[in-house]
Amino acid sequence: MTLVFIFRIIMALGALSFLLSAWLKFLKGEQSQTFFKLVTSNIIWLSIAAFSLFPNATHKISQQLGFGESLNTFIFIGFVVVFVILFKVINILERIERNVSEIVRKEALSKLTEK
């Protein structure tokens, strides 16, 4: 076994463990795991597992999509992943902003009723 093969197996196992974790959170009904998060996790981690186990598939996919080289496909997939992550971060920030606004309103109303 070569070092590259071992690294590919470790990458695939890591991706599958993250995928299993996402499914367990969803099946337990945790609030932090929405259906959108589950679908996004499935797409990302299954892609990582597939590309780590079948690296030649990236070349075939990139040729079919017209990108030419495998590296371009990885860059494109990286941009997609970054955009998904940014979308999730924006959603988290909006939720935090709503929570802070609600806390400030409740605090202001409680101080108003005390006087």
C-alpha atoms as a PDB file:
ATOM      1  CA  MET A   1       0.000   0.000   0.000  1.00  0.00           C
ATOM      2  CA  THR A   2       1.236   3.389  -0.886  1.00  0.00           C
ATOM      3  CA  LEU A   3       0.945   6.450   1.266  1.00  0.00           C
ATOM      4  CA  VAL A   4      -1.403   8.078  -1.246  1.00  0.00           C
ATOM      5  CA  PHE A   5      -3.788   5.107  -1.109  1.00  0.00           C
ATOM      6  CA  ILE A   6      -3.822   5.191   2.700  1.00  0.00           C
ATOM      7  CA  PHE A   7      -4.491   8.947   2.630  1.00  0.00           C
ATOM      8  CA  ARG A   8      -7.389   8.394   0.187  1.00  0.00           C
ATOM      9  CA  ILE A   9      -8.925   5.764   2.481  1.00  0.00           C
ATOM     10  CA  ILE A  10      -8.546   8.035   5.529  1.00  0.00           C
ATOM     11  CA  MET A  11     -10.195  10.918   3.633  1.00  0.00           C
ATOM     12  CA  ALA A  12     -13.109   8.691   2.608  1.00  0.00           C
ATOM     13  CA  LEU A  13     -13.572   7.363   6.151  1.00  0.00           C
ATOM     14  CA  GLY A  14     -13.469  10.897   7.557  1.00  0.00           C
ATOM     15  CA  ALA A  15     -16.074  12.055   5.056  1.00  0.00           C
ATOM     16  CA  LEU A  16     -18.309   9.097   5.863  1.00  0.00           C
ATOM     17  CA  SER A  17     -17.996   9.783   9.599  1.00  0.00           C
ATOM     18  CA  PHE A  18     -19.117  13.401   9.090  1.00  0.00           C
ATOM     19  CA  LEU A  19     -21.968  12.138   6.927  1.00  0.00           C
ATOM     20  CA  LEU A  20     -23.046   9.667   9.600  1.00  0.00           C
ATOM     21  CA  SER A  21     -22.872  12.405  12.225  1.00  0.00           C
ATOM     22  CA  ALA A  22     -25.139  14.652  10.147  1.00  0.00           C
ATOM     23  CA  TRP A  23     -27.689  11.854   9.714  1.00  0.00           C
ATOM     24  CA  LEU A  24     -27.665  11.008  13.427  1.00  0.00           C
ATOM     25  CA  LYS A  25     -28.262  14.660  14.346  1.00  0.00           C
ATOM     26  CA  PHE A  26     -31.126  14.842  11.859  1.00  0.00           C
ATOM     27  CA  LEU A  27     -32.728  11.600  13.041  1.00  0.00           C
ATOM     28  CA  LYS A  28     -32.475  12.680  16.692  1.00  0.00           C
ATOM     29  CA  GLY A  29     -34.343  15.836  15.729  1.00  0.00           C
ATOM     30  CA  GLU A  30     -31.746  18.306  16.930  1.00  0.00           C
ATOM     31  CA  GLN A  31     -32.738  21.879  16.145  1.00  0.00           C
ATOM     32  CA  SER A  32     -29.304  22.706  14.796  1.00  0.00           C
ATOM     33  CA  GLN A  33     -29.672  20.081  12.046  1.00  0.00           C
ATOM     34  CA  THR A  34     -32.201  21.239   9.473  1.00  0.00           C
ATOM     35  CA  PHE A  35     -33.168  19.415   6.293  1.00  0.00           C
ATOM     36  CA  PHE A  36     -31.177  21.954   4.260  1.00  0.00           C
ATOM     37  CA  LYS A  37     -28.080  21.254   6.354  1.00  0.00           C
ATOM     38  CA  LEU A  38     -28.587  17.516   5.907  1.00  0.00           C
ATOM     39  CA  VAL A  39     -28.855  17.774   2.115  1.00  0.00           C
ATOM     40  CA  THR A  40     -25.861  20.109   1.950  1.00  0.00           C
ATOM     41  CA  SER A  41     -23.814  17.789   4.156  1.00  0.00           C
ATOM     42  CA  ASN A  42     -24.772  14.806   2.026  1.00  0.00           C
ATOM     43  CA  ILE A  43     -23.694  16.519  -1.175  1.00  0.00           C
ATOM     44  CA  ILE A  44     -20.409  17.805   0.213  1.00  0.00           C
ATOM     45  CA  TRP A  45     -19.278  14.728   2.143  1.00  0.00           C
ATOM     46  CA  LEU A  46     -20.405  12.199  -0.466  1.00  0.00           C
ATOM     47  CA  SER A  47     -18.521  14.211  -3.093  1.00  0.00           C
ATOM     48  CA  ILE A  48     -15.392  14.251  -0.956  1.00  0.00           C
ATOM     49  CA  ALA A  49     -15.662  10.512  -0.316  1.00  0.00           C
ATOM     50  CA  ALA A  50     -16.260   9.743  -3.994  1.00  0.00           C
ATOM     51  CA  PHE A  51     -13.419  11.973  -5.205  1.00  0.00           C
ATOM     52  CA  SER A  52     -11.027  10.531  -2.638  1.00  0.00           C
ATOM     53  CA  LEU A  53     -11.875   6.940  -3.607  1.00  0.00           C
ATOM     54  CA  PHE A  54     -12.105   7.583  -7.366  1.00  0.00           C
ATOM     55  CA  PRO A  55      -9.697  10.415  -8.218  1.00  0.00           C
ATOM     56  CA  ASN A  56      -9.901   9.685 -11.958  1.00  0.00           C
ATOM     57  CA  ALA A  57     -13.595  10.560 -11.871  1.00  0.00           C
ATOM     58  CA  THR A  58     -12.710  14.233 -11.451  1.00  0.00           C
ATOM     59  CA  HIS A  59     -10.979  14.224 -14.823  1.00  0.00           C
ATOM     60  CA  LYS A  60     -13.978  12.628 -16.534  1.00  0.00           C
ATOM     61  CA  ILE A  61     -16.406  15.056 -14.859  1.00  0.00           C
ATOM     62  CA  SER A  62     -14.264  18.054 -15.740  1.00  0.00           C
ATOM     63  CA  GLN A  63     -14.112  16.948 -19.388  1.00  0.00           C
ATOM     64  CA  GLN A  64     -17.895  16.525 -19.524  1.00  0.00           C
ATOM     65  CA  LEU A  65     -18.454  19.936 -17.940  1.00  0.00           C
ATOM     66  CA  GLY A  66     -15.931  21.530 -20.282  1.00  0.00           C
ATOM     67  CA  PHE A  67     -13.446  22.631 -17.635  1.00  0.00           C
ATOM     68  CA  GLY A  68     -10.523  20.727 -19.170  1.00  0.00           C
ATOM     69  CA  GLU A  69      -8.392  19.837 -16.193  1.00  0.00           C
ATOM     70  CA  SER A  70      -9.181  18.168 -12.875  1.00  0.00           C
ATOM     71  CA  LEU A  71      -7.730  21.067 -10.916  1.00  0.00           C
ATOM     72  CA  ASN A  72     -10.312  23.415 -12.394  1.00  0.00           C
ATOM     73  CA  THR A  73     -13.075  21.101 -11.208  1.00  0.00           C
ATOM     74  CA  PHE A  74     -11.695  21.137  -7.682  1.00  0.00           C
ATOM     75  CA  ILE A  75     -11.488  24.930  -7.759  1.00  0.00           C
ATOM     76  CA  PHE A  76     -15.084  25.154  -8.966  1.00  0.00           C
ATOM     77  CA  ILE A  77     -16.275  22.733  -6.263  1.00  0.00           C
ATOM     78  CA  GLY A  78     -14.295  24.745  -3.721  1.00  0.00           C
ATOM     79  CA  PHE A  79     -16.099  27.925  -4.739  1.00  0.00           C
ATOM     80  CA  VAL A  80     -19.447  26.180  -4.367  1.00  0.00           C
ATOM     81  CA  VAL A  81     -18.513  24.945  -0.900  1.00  0.00           C
ATOM     82  CA  VAL A  82     -17.316  28.418   0.123  1.00  0.00           C
ATOM     83  CA  PHE A  83     -20.584  29.983  -1.057  1.00  0.00           C
ATOM     84  CA  VAL A  84     -22.611  27.419   0.899  1.00  0.00           C
ATOM     85  CA  ILE A  85     -20.547  28.097   4.005  1.00  0.00           C
ATOM     86  CA  LEU A  86     -20.952  31.867   3.576  1.00  0.00           C
ATOM     87  CA  PHE A  87     -24.700  31.429   3.207  1.00  0.00           C
ATOM     88  CA  LYS A  88     -24.830  29.446   6.434  1.00  0.00           C
ATOM     89  CA  VAL A  89     -22.689  31.997   8.286  1.00  0.00           C
ATOM     90  CA  ILE A  90     -24.983  34.804   7.142  1.00  0.00           C
ATOM     91  CA  ASN A  91     -27.999  32.830   8.396  1.00  0.00           C
ATOM     92  CA  ILE A  92     -26.307  32.276  11.752  1.00  0.00           C
ATOM     93  CA  LEU A  93     -25.469  35.980  12.082  1.00  0.00           C
ATOM     94  CA  GLU A  94     -29.056  36.956  11.273  1.00  0.00           C
ATOM     95  CA  ARG A  95     -30.360  34.546  13.902  1.00  0.00           C
ATOM     96  CA  ILE A  96     -27.931  35.917  16.492  1.00  0.00           C
ATOM     97  CA  GLU A  97     -28.997  39.456  15.612  1.00  0.00           C
ATOM     98  CA  ARG A  98     -32.676  38.544  16.114  1.00  0.00           C
ATOM     99  CA  ASN A  99     -31.885  36.899  19.450  1.00  0.00           C
ATOM    100  CA  VAL A 100     -29.931  39.922  20.686  1.00  0.00           C
ATOM    101  CA  SER A 101     -32.744  42.263  19.600  1.00  0.00           C
ATOM    102  CA  GLU A 102     -35.279  40.139  21.461  1.00  0.00           C
ATOM    103  CA  ILE A 103     -33.158  40.083  24.605  1.00  0.00           C
ATOM    104  CA  VAL A 104     -32.660  43.862  24.507  1.00  0.00           C
ATOM    105  CA  ARG A 105     -36.408  44.428  24.049  1.00  0.00           C
ATOM    106  CA  LYS A 106     -37.276  42.151  26.970  1.00  0.00           C
ATOM    107  CA  GLU A 107     -34.692  43.846  29.178  1.00  0.00           C
ATOM    108  CA  ALA A 108     -35.980  47.294  28.240  1.00  0.00           C
ATOM    109  CA  LEU A 109     -39.583  46.275  28.947  1.00  0.00           C
ATOM    110  CA  SER A 110     -38.650  44.747  32.291  1.00  0.00           C
ATOM    111  CA  LYS A 111     -36.858  47.961  33.330  1.00  0.00           C
ATOM    112  CA  LEU A 112     -39.839  49.996  32.186  1.00  0.00           C
ATOM    113  CA  THR A 113     -42.301  47.933  34.271  1.00  0.00           C
ATOM    114  CA  GLU A 114     -40.064  48.183  37.360  1.00  0.00           C
ATOM    115  CA  LYS A 115     -40.314  51.978  37.387  1.00  0.00           C
END
